[in-house]
Amino acid sequence: MANIRLPNINVVHITGRLTQDPELLYTQQKGTPICKFRIASDRSYKDKETGEWKKITLFIGVVAWGNLAERMGDVLKKGSAVYISGRLEMDAWKNAEGKDMTRIKIRANSIQSLEIQPSAERVEQPAQKEEIASEEDDLPF
């Protein structure tokens, strides 16, 4: 095998919708906020054999810590559309039978709500008509 220099890159950008309301918890020692939830992210592709469009849905866990966790715990709810930037992490544990288990999740660095928030300050104002003088206004007939 050739010697290669493999960079340490672990970056995730994903959009999706929350499958449940977020769970806001606090660590016992320091009281650090943790927000946990799952998203469903769709990918569409065209089947080469049938020509039909198909959709695959990926369900993945997300965890946010600190101030981000508190803000998102207050803002997000089941069905919220989000854009998440972060990195992959793995949880490892033994199940009841003693078998080693693992699960991949996203550790969020930033979460952006994609929902359009109605603004109380936004007031529709009717467009003002400008009176434009045209050459026809000067015609004597």
N, C-alpha and C. Protein backbone atom coordinates (compact mmCIF):
# COMPACT_ATOMS: atom_id res chain seq x y z
N MET A 1 0.84 -1.18 0.00
CA MET A 1 0.00 0.00 0.00
C MET A 1 0.89 1.24 0.00
N ALA A 2 0.53 2.19 -0.82
CA ALA A 2 1.32 3.42 -0.93
C ALA A 2 1.10 4.28 0.31
N ASN A 3 2.14 5.01 0.65
CA ASN A 3 2.01 5.94 1.76
C ASN A 3 1.17 7.13 1.31
N ILE A 4 0.13 7.42 2.07
CA ILE A 4 -0.71 8.57 1.77
C ILE A 4 -0.87 9.41 3.03
N ARG A 5 -1.10 10.65 2.82
CA ARG A 5 -1.37 11.55 3.95
C ARG A 5 -2.86 11.84 3.94
N LEU A 6 -3.57 11.20 4.83
CA LEU A 6 -5.02 11.33 4.89
C LEU A 6 -5.40 12.43 5.86
N PRO A 7 -6.05 13.48 5.38
CA PRO A 7 -6.43 14.57 6.30
C PRO A 7 -7.54 14.12 7.25
N ASN A 8 -7.57 14.71 8.42
CA ASN A 8 -8.61 14.42 9.40
C ASN A 8 -9.80 15.34 9.16
N ILE A 9 -10.70 14.91 8.30
CA ILE A 9 -11.88 15.71 7.96
C ILE A 9 -13.11 14.94 8.42
N ASN A 10 -13.92 15.60 9.21
CA ASN A 10 -15.17 15.03 9.68
C ASN A 10 -16.18 16.17 9.72
N VAL A 11 -16.80 16.43 8.58
CA VAL A 11 -17.73 17.56 8.44
C VAL A 11 -19.04 17.05 7.85
N VAL A 12 -20.15 17.51 8.43
CA VAL A 12 -21.47 17.13 7.95
C VAL A 12 -22.30 18.39 7.75
N HIS A 13 -22.97 18.46 6.61
CA HIS A 13 -23.97 19.49 6.33
C HIS A 13 -25.20 18.73 5.88
N ILE A 14 -26.33 18.97 6.53
CA ILE A 14 -27.52 18.19 6.21
C ILE A 14 -28.76 19.03 6.49
N THR A 15 -29.81 18.79 5.72
CA THR A 15 -31.10 19.40 6.00
C THR A 15 -32.10 18.29 6.26
N GLY A 16 -33.12 18.62 7.00
CA GLY A 16 -34.16 17.65 7.30
C GLY A 16 -35.22 18.24 8.20
N ARG A 17 -36.12 17.39 8.63
CA ARG A 17 -37.20 17.80 9.54
C ARG A 17 -37.13 16.96 10.81
N LEU A 18 -37.41 17.60 11.94
CA LEU A 18 -37.41 16.88 13.22
C LEU A 18 -38.52 15.84 13.23
N THR A 19 -38.21 14.64 13.69
CA THR A 19 -39.19 13.56 13.76
C THR A 19 -39.93 13.55 15.09
N GLN A 20 -39.43 14.37 16.03
CA GLN A 20 -40.05 14.46 17.36
C GLN A 20 -39.64 15.79 17.98
N ASP A 21 -40.32 16.19 19.05
CA ASP A 21 -39.91 17.39 19.77
C ASP A 21 -38.52 17.16 20.36
N PRO A 22 -37.69 18.21 20.40
CA PRO A 22 -36.36 18.04 20.98
C PRO A 22 -36.43 17.80 22.49
N GLU A 23 -35.45 17.09 22.99
CA GLU A 23 -35.35 16.80 24.43
C GLU A 23 -34.20 17.64 24.99
N LEU A 24 -34.52 18.55 25.90
CA LEU A 24 -33.51 19.42 26.50
C LEU A 24 -33.17 18.87 27.88
N LEU A 25 -31.90 18.48 28.06
CA LEU A 25 -31.42 17.91 29.31
C LEU A 25 -30.27 18.76 29.84
N TYR A 26 -29.87 18.51 31.08
CA TYR A 26 -28.72 19.19 31.68
C TYR A 26 -27.83 18.16 32.34
N THR A 27 -26.50 18.31 32.19
CA THR A 27 -25.57 17.37 32.82
C THR A 27 -25.66 17.53 34.33
N GLN A 28 -25.39 16.46 35.06
CA GLN A 28 -25.50 16.47 36.52
C GLN A 28 -24.39 17.29 37.17
N GLN A 29 -23.18 17.20 36.66
CA GLN A 29 -22.06 17.86 37.32
C GLN A 29 -22.07 19.38 37.16
N LYS A 30 -22.13 19.84 35.93
CA LYS A 30 -22.01 21.28 35.68
C LYS A 30 -23.30 21.93 35.21
N GLY A 31 -24.33 21.14 34.94
CA GLY A 31 -25.58 21.69 34.46
C GLY A 31 -25.52 22.17 33.01
N THR A 32 -24.60 21.60 32.24
CA THR A 32 -24.45 21.99 30.83
C THR A 32 -25.67 21.51 30.04
N PRO A 33 -26.30 22.41 29.25
CA PRO A 33 -27.47 22.01 28.46
C PRO A 33 -27.09 21.08 27.30
N ILE A 34 -27.95 20.09 27.05
CA ILE A 34 -27.81 19.16 25.94
C ILE A 34 -29.17 19.05 25.27
N CYS A 35 -29.21 19.26 23.98
CA CYS A 35 -30.46 19.13 23.22
C CYS A 35 -30.31 17.95 22.27
N LYS A 36 -31.24 16.99 22.37
CA LYS A 36 -31.21 15.80 21.53
C LYS A 36 -32.49 15.70 20.71
N PHE A 37 -32.34 15.31 19.44
CA PHE A 37 -33.50 15.06 18.59
C PHE A 37 -33.07 14.24 17.39
N ARG A 38 -34.03 13.79 16.61
CA ARG A 38 -33.75 13.04 15.38
C ARG A 38 -34.34 13.81 14.21
N ILE A 39 -33.67 13.69 13.05
CA ILE A 39 -34.20 14.30 11.84
C ILE A 39 -34.40 13.23 10.78
N ALA A 40 -35.29 13.54 9.85
CA ALA A 40 -35.47 12.73 8.64
C ALA A 40 -34.97 13.57 7.48
N SER A 41 -34.03 13.03 6.72
CA SER A 41 -33.46 13.74 5.58
C SER A 41 -33.69 12.90 4.32
N ASP A 42 -34.31 13.50 3.31
CA ASP A 42 -34.65 12.79 2.08
C ASP A 42 -33.61 13.00 0.99
N ARG A 43 -33.46 11.97 0.16
CA ARG A 43 -32.64 12.05 -1.04
C ARG A 43 -33.43 11.42 -2.18
N SER A 44 -33.59 12.16 -3.26
CA SER A 44 -34.31 11.64 -4.42
C SER A 44 -33.33 11.24 -5.51
N TYR A 45 -33.69 10.19 -6.24
CA TYR A 45 -32.86 9.77 -7.37
C TYR A 45 -33.76 9.12 -8.41
N LYS A 46 -33.26 9.09 -9.63
CA LYS A 46 -34.01 8.48 -10.72
C LYS A 46 -33.50 7.07 -10.95
N ASP A 47 -34.41 6.09 -10.86
CA ASP A 47 -34.07 4.70 -11.08
C ASP A 47 -33.68 4.51 -12.55
N LYS A 48 -32.48 3.99 -12.80
CA LYS A 48 -31.98 3.85 -14.17
C LYS A 48 -32.78 2.83 -14.98
N GLU A 49 -33.31 1.82 -14.32
CA GLU A 49 -34.05 0.79 -15.03
C GLU A 49 -35.46 1.21 -15.38
N THR A 50 -36.17 1.82 -14.42
CA THR A 50 -37.57 2.17 -14.64
C THR A 50 -37.77 3.62 -15.05
N GLY A 51 -36.80 4.47 -14.79
CA GLY A 51 -36.96 5.90 -15.09
C GLY A 51 -37.81 6.64 -14.07
N GLU A 52 -38.25 5.93 -13.03
CA GLU A 52 -39.09 6.55 -12.00
C GLU A 52 -38.22 7.23 -10.95
N TRP A 53 -38.77 8.31 -10.38
CA TRP A 53 -38.10 8.99 -9.28
C TRP A 53 -38.42 8.25 -8.00
N LYS A 54 -37.40 8.01 -7.19
CA LYS A 54 -37.56 7.33 -5.91
C LYS A 54 -36.97 8.19 -4.81
N LYS A 55 -37.40 7.93 -3.59
CA LYS A 55 -36.93 8.71 -2.46
C LYS A 55 -36.44 7.77 -1.36
N ILE A 56 -35.28 8.11 -0.81
CA ILE A 56 -34.73 7.39 0.33
C ILE A 56 -34.70 8.37 1.50
N THR A 57 -35.20 7.93 2.63
CA THR A 57 -35.19 8.78 3.83
C THR A 57 -34.20 8.23 4.84
N LEU A 58 -33.32 9.10 5.30
CA LEU A 58 -32.32 8.76 6.32
C LEU A 58 -32.78 9.36 7.65
N PHE A 59 -32.81 8.55 8.68
CA PHE A 59 -33.15 9.03 10.02
C PHE A 59 -31.87 9.04 10.84
N ILE A 60 -31.54 10.19 11.42
CA ILE A 60 -30.28 10.29 12.16
C ILE A 60 -30.46 11.17 13.39
N GLY A 61 -29.77 10.77 14.47
CA GLY A 61 -29.80 11.53 15.71
C GLY A 61 -28.89 12.74 15.66
N VAL A 62 -29.28 13.78 16.39
CA VAL A 62 -28.51 15.02 16.46
C VAL A 62 -28.39 15.41 17.92
N VAL A 63 -27.22 15.91 18.31
CA VAL A 63 -27.03 16.41 19.67
C VAL A 63 -26.34 17.77 19.58
N ALA A 64 -26.82 18.71 20.40
CA ALA A 64 -26.21 20.04 20.50
C ALA A 64 -25.92 20.30 21.97
N TRP A 65 -24.87 21.05 22.24
CA TRP A 65 -24.45 21.34 23.61
C TRP A 65 -24.44 22.84 23.87
N GLY A 66 -24.51 23.22 25.14
CA GLY A 66 -24.32 24.61 25.57
C GLY A 66 -25.44 25.55 25.13
N ASN A 67 -25.04 26.78 24.76
CA ASN A 67 -26.01 27.80 24.37
C ASN A 67 -26.85 27.38 23.17
N LEU A 68 -26.21 26.71 22.22
CA LEU A 68 -26.94 26.22 21.04
C LEU A 68 -28.05 25.27 21.47
N ALA A 69 -27.77 24.41 22.42
CA ALA A 69 -28.77 23.45 22.91
C ALA A 69 -29.96 24.18 23.53
N GLU A 70 -29.70 25.18 24.35
CA GLU A 70 -30.80 25.92 24.99
C GLU A 70 -31.64 26.66 23.96
N ARG A 71 -30.99 27.33 23.01
CA ARG A 71 -31.73 28.09 22.00
C ARG A 71 -32.60 27.17 21.15
N MET A 72 -32.03 26.05 20.71
CA MET A 72 -32.77 25.15 19.84
C MET A 72 -33.87 24.41 20.61
N GLY A 73 -33.63 24.13 21.87
CA GLY A 73 -34.65 23.48 22.70
C GLY A 73 -35.90 24.33 22.82
N ASP A 74 -35.72 25.65 22.76
CA ASP A 74 -36.85 26.58 22.87
C ASP A 74 -37.53 26.82 21.52
N VAL A 75 -36.78 26.72 20.42
CA VAL A 75 -37.28 27.12 19.10
C VAL A 75 -37.86 25.96 18.29
N LEU A 76 -37.21 24.82 18.34
CA LEU A 76 -37.58 23.71 17.46
C LEU A 76 -38.72 22.88 18.03
N LYS A 77 -39.44 22.22 17.11
CA LYS A 77 -40.50 21.29 17.49
C LYS A 77 -40.62 20.22 16.40
N LYS A 78 -41.40 19.21 16.66
CA LYS A 78 -41.60 18.15 15.67
C LYS A 78 -42.04 18.77 14.35
N GLY A 79 -41.38 18.37 13.26
CA GLY A 79 -41.72 18.88 11.94
C GLY A 79 -40.93 20.09 11.50
N SER A 80 -40.16 20.71 12.43
CA SER A 80 -39.37 21.89 12.06
C SER A 80 -38.32 21.51 11.01
N ALA A 81 -38.19 22.37 9.99
CA ALA A 81 -37.17 22.18 8.97
C ALA A 81 -35.88 22.85 9.45
N VAL A 82 -34.75 22.13 9.35
CA VAL A 82 -33.48 22.64 9.86
C VAL A 82 -32.35 22.37 8.89
N TYR A 83 -31.34 23.22 8.98
CA TYR A 83 -30.04 23.02 8.31
C TYR A 83 -29.03 22.85 9.43
N ILE A 84 -28.30 21.75 9.42
CA ILE A 84 -27.36 21.44 10.49
C ILE A 84 -25.95 21.31 9.92
N SER A 85 -25.02 21.91 10.61
CA SER A 85 -23.60 21.78 10.29
C SER A 85 -22.92 21.21 11.53
N GLY A 86 -22.10 20.21 11.36
CA GLY A 86 -21.43 19.61 12.51
C GLY A 86 -20.48 18.51 12.10
N ARG A 87 -20.35 17.51 12.98
CA ARG A 87 -19.45 16.38 12.70
C ARG A 87 -20.12 15.09 13.18
N LEU A 88 -19.64 13.98 12.67
CA LEU A 88 -20.16 12.68 13.08
C LEU A 88 -19.50 12.22 14.36
N GLU A 89 -20.29 11.62 15.24
CA GLU A 89 -19.79 10.98 16.47
C GLU A 89 -20.43 9.61 16.58
N MET A 90 -19.81 8.75 17.38
CA MET A 90 -20.33 7.41 17.56
C MET A 90 -20.58 7.14 19.04
N ASP A 91 -21.77 6.64 19.34
CA ASP A 91 -22.08 6.14 20.68
C ASP A 91 -21.81 4.65 20.68
N ALA A 92 -21.22 4.15 21.75
CA ALA A 92 -20.96 2.71 21.88
C ALA A 92 -21.46 2.25 23.25
N TRP A 93 -22.11 1.07 23.31
CA TRP A 93 -22.62 0.51 24.55
C TRP A 93 -22.83 -0.99 24.38
N LYS A 94 -23.09 -1.66 25.47
CA LYS A 94 -23.43 -3.08 25.44
C LYS A 94 -24.92 -3.20 25.71
N ASN A 95 -25.59 -4.02 24.89
CA ASN A 95 -27.03 -4.21 25.11
C ASN A 95 -27.27 -5.20 26.25
N ALA A 96 -28.53 -5.54 26.49
CA ALA A 96 -28.90 -6.41 27.61
C ALA A 96 -28.26 -7.79 27.52
N GLU A 97 -27.97 -8.25 26.30
CA GLU A 97 -27.35 -9.55 26.10
C GLU A 97 -25.83 -9.47 26.13
N GLY A 98 -25.27 -8.28 26.35
CA GLY A 98 -23.82 -8.11 26.41
C GLY A 98 -23.16 -7.88 25.06
N LYS A 99 -23.97 -7.71 24.02
CA LYS A 99 -23.44 -7.49 22.66
C LYS A 99 -23.05 -6.02 22.50
N ASP A 100 -21.88 -5.79 21.86
CA ASP A 100 -21.43 -4.43 21.59
C ASP A 100 -22.32 -3.79 20.53
N MET A 101 -22.79 -2.57 20.82
CA MET A 101 -23.67 -1.83 19.92
C MET A 101 -23.04 -0.47 19.63
N THR A 102 -23.32 0.05 18.44
CA THR A 102 -22.85 1.39 18.08
C THR A 102 -23.95 2.13 17.32
N ARG A 103 -23.86 3.44 17.37
CA ARG A 103 -24.81 4.28 16.63
C ARG A 103 -24.08 5.57 16.25
N ILE A 104 -24.27 6.00 15.01
CA ILE A 104 -23.69 7.25 14.53
C ILE A 104 -24.71 8.37 14.74
N LYS A 105 -24.23 9.53 15.18
CA LYS A 105 -25.08 10.70 15.35
C LYS A 105 -24.30 11.93 14.89
N ILE A 106 -24.98 13.05 14.79
CA ILE A 106 -24.35 14.31 14.41
C ILE A 106 -24.19 15.17 15.65
N ARG A 107 -22.98 15.65 15.88
CA ARG A 107 -22.72 16.64 16.94
C ARG A 107 -22.79 18.00 16.25
N ALA A 108 -23.85 18.75 16.51
CA ALA A 108 -24.11 20.00 15.79
C ALA A 108 -23.22 21.13 16.28
N ASN A 109 -22.60 21.83 15.33
CA ASN A 109 -21.87 23.07 15.63
C ASN A 109 -22.80 24.26 15.42
N SER A 110 -23.71 24.13 14.44
CA SER A 110 -24.70 25.17 14.20
C SER A 110 -25.97 24.52 13.68
N ILE A 111 -27.09 25.12 14.07
CA ILE A 111 -28.40 24.66 13.62
C ILE A 111 -29.16 25.90 13.19
N GLN A 112 -29.67 25.85 11.97
CA GLN A 112 -30.42 26.98 11.45
C GLN A 112 -31.83 26.52 11.15
N SER A 113 -32.81 27.20 11.73
CA SER A 113 -34.20 26.88 11.43
C SER A 113 -34.51 27.39 10.03
N LEU A 114 -35.14 26.57 9.23
CA LEU A 114 -35.51 26.97 7.87
C LEU A 114 -36.97 27.39 7.78
N GLU A 115 -37.63 27.47 8.92
CA GLU A 115 -39.02 27.90 8.97
C GLU A 115 -39.09 29.41 8.78
N ILE A 116 -40.07 29.86 8.04
CA ILE A 116 -40.28 31.30 7.86
C ILE A 116 -41.13 31.78 9.03
N GLN A 117 -40.54 32.69 9.81
CA GLN A 117 -41.22 33.20 10.98
C GLN A 117 -42.05 34.42 10.60
N PRO A 118 -43.34 34.45 10.96
CA PRO A 118 -44.13 35.65 10.68
C PRO A 118 -43.60 36.81 11.52
N SER A 119 -43.49 37.96 10.91
CA SER A 119 -42.97 39.11 11.60
C SER A 119 -44.09 40.10 11.91
N ALA A 120 -44.22 40.45 13.19
CA ALA A 120 -45.23 41.43 13.59
C ALA A 120 -44.88 42.80 13.04
N GLU A 121 -43.58 43.00 12.81
CA GLU A 121 -43.14 44.31 12.32
C GLU A 121 -43.36 44.45 10.82
N ARG A 122 -43.48 43.34 10.13
CA ARG A 122 -43.63 43.40 8.68
C ARG A 122 -45.07 43.76 8.35
N VAL A 123 -45.29 44.93 7.83
CA VAL A 123 -46.62 45.39 7.47
C VAL A 123 -46.64 45.64 5.97
N GLU A 124 -47.59 45.05 5.31
CA GLU A 124 -47.71 45.24 3.88
C GLU A 124 -48.19 46.66 3.61
N GLN A 125 -47.46 47.38 2.80
CA GLN A 125 -47.86 48.72 2.41
C GLN A 125 -48.22 48.68 0.94
N PRO A 126 -49.34 49.30 0.58
CA PRO A 126 -49.71 49.29 -0.83
C PRO A 126 -48.69 50.05 -1.65
N ALA A 127 -48.45 49.55 -2.83
CA ALA A 127 -47.50 50.22 -3.72
C ALA A 127 -48.07 51.57 -4.12
N GLN A 128 -47.24 52.58 -4.08
CA GLN A 128 -47.68 53.91 -4.45
C GLN A 128 -47.52 54.08 -5.95
N LYS A 129 -48.55 54.61 -6.56
CA LYS A 129 -48.49 54.85 -7.99
C LYS A 129 -47.79 56.17 -8.24
N GLU A 130 -46.88 56.13 -9.15
CA GLU A 130 -46.23 57.38 -9.56
C GLU A 130 -46.97 57.90 -10.78
N GLU A 131 -47.23 59.17 -10.76
CA GLU A 131 -47.85 59.76 -11.94
C GLU A 131 -46.75 60.18 -12.88
N ILE A 132 -46.77 59.56 -14.01
CA ILE A 132 -45.73 59.84 -15.00
C ILE A 132 -46.37 60.60 -16.15
N ALA A 133 -45.80 61.75 -16.45
CA ALA A 133 -46.30 62.55 -17.57
C ALA A 133 -45.83 61.90 -18.85
N SER A 134 -46.74 61.75 -19.75
CA SER A 134 -46.37 61.18 -21.04
C SER A 134 -46.60 62.21 -22.12
N GLU A 135 -46.12 61.90 -23.29
CA GLU A 135 -46.29 62.81 -24.41
C GLU A 135 -47.76 62.97 -24.75
N GLU A 136 -48.57 61.95 -24.50
CA GLU A 136 -49.98 62.00 -24.82
C GLU A 136 -50.70 63.05 -23.97
N ASP A 137 -50.20 63.36 -22.77
CA ASP A 137 -50.83 64.35 -21.91
C ASP A 137 -50.75 65.75 -22.53
N ASP A 138 -49.80 65.99 -23.40
CA ASP A 138 -49.61 67.30 -23.99
C ASP A 138 -50.38 67.48 -25.30
N LEU A 139 -51.01 66.42 -25.78
CA LEU A 139 -51.74 66.52 -27.05
C LEU A 139 -53.01 67.32 -26.86
N PRO A 140 -53.33 68.22 -27.80
CA PRO A 140 -54.51 69.05 -27.66
C PRO A 140 -55.80 68.32 -27.96
N PHE A 141 -55.81 67.13 -28.45
CA PHE A 141 -57.06 66.42 -28.75
C PHE A 141 -57.22 65.15 -28.02
